[in-house]
């Protein structure tokens, strides 16, 4: 993957920065969905962790189901847009939630140990069958990837205003920031629910990896960065400032700002300059 044909657009990257995920419907062909389905049925709920530092494409060659998935053009283009062309394998898991399964409160964040200020892993959820609302597909709370908590400290929250539950057609894939709050839900249907999840790490600086040429000058492009979400309440402006910081990291443009939020805060005429700090050492 070297051209921009299947990479994310600037608008899609901004959506990812704002919401913490991007969803691509029916990305996986039906035949491959059937292979995934058999894989999940055979493995049931099993996790495989990386045993060494290696590329995800090396860990899963094109003869494996995951290898075939990773080499789908839109899958590969989206991965490259978010974490580079040759990301590191972290772990993958198969999820089977039998029909009639009732789950308790489960809202959580996966990686309390991960304190990188801006760099992020992505988690990829692949749904090989149709998922109805009754089947309880993975629930995400948009915009929560900037709110760091300790795994299940948020488990007591049954519902959050603005939460989005995955209801989709077979072959849909959700690419999400590793810190996004999420949960599995009860499967109240008479059909089993299947999902395959893969986590990968960037191996390059995540700067301008998407298609930066197609829509970078579109009117209203940054409107979504300034849109406050229902659960944010009085903290809406603080969340917008976090998005600006992440966009600066992804573009390498430390001067990027909206409505002068960071320009205003950084304007401290009494702050010591670098040379003053050095002279006191």
Foldseek 3Di string as FASTA:
>chain_A
DPDQPQADELLQVLQCLQFFKDKDAQLDDLVLLVVVVVVCVVQEWDKDFDPDWAWPCVVDPCVDSVNVVCPRSNNQNHCCLQFRNTWTFGMKTKHKAAAQFADAQAWWADPLPDDDLAFFKKKKKAWQAFAAVLQFAKKWQTLCLVPRDDTCPVSVDRDAPRIDHDGGGGGMMMIGTRGTIMGGGGNHGNGMGIMMMTITGHPDQLARRHPHPDCVPPPPSNVSLQDFGPRCPPCRVVSSVSSQVNVCSHHVPPPDDDPCPVVVVPPDPPDDDPVVVVVVD
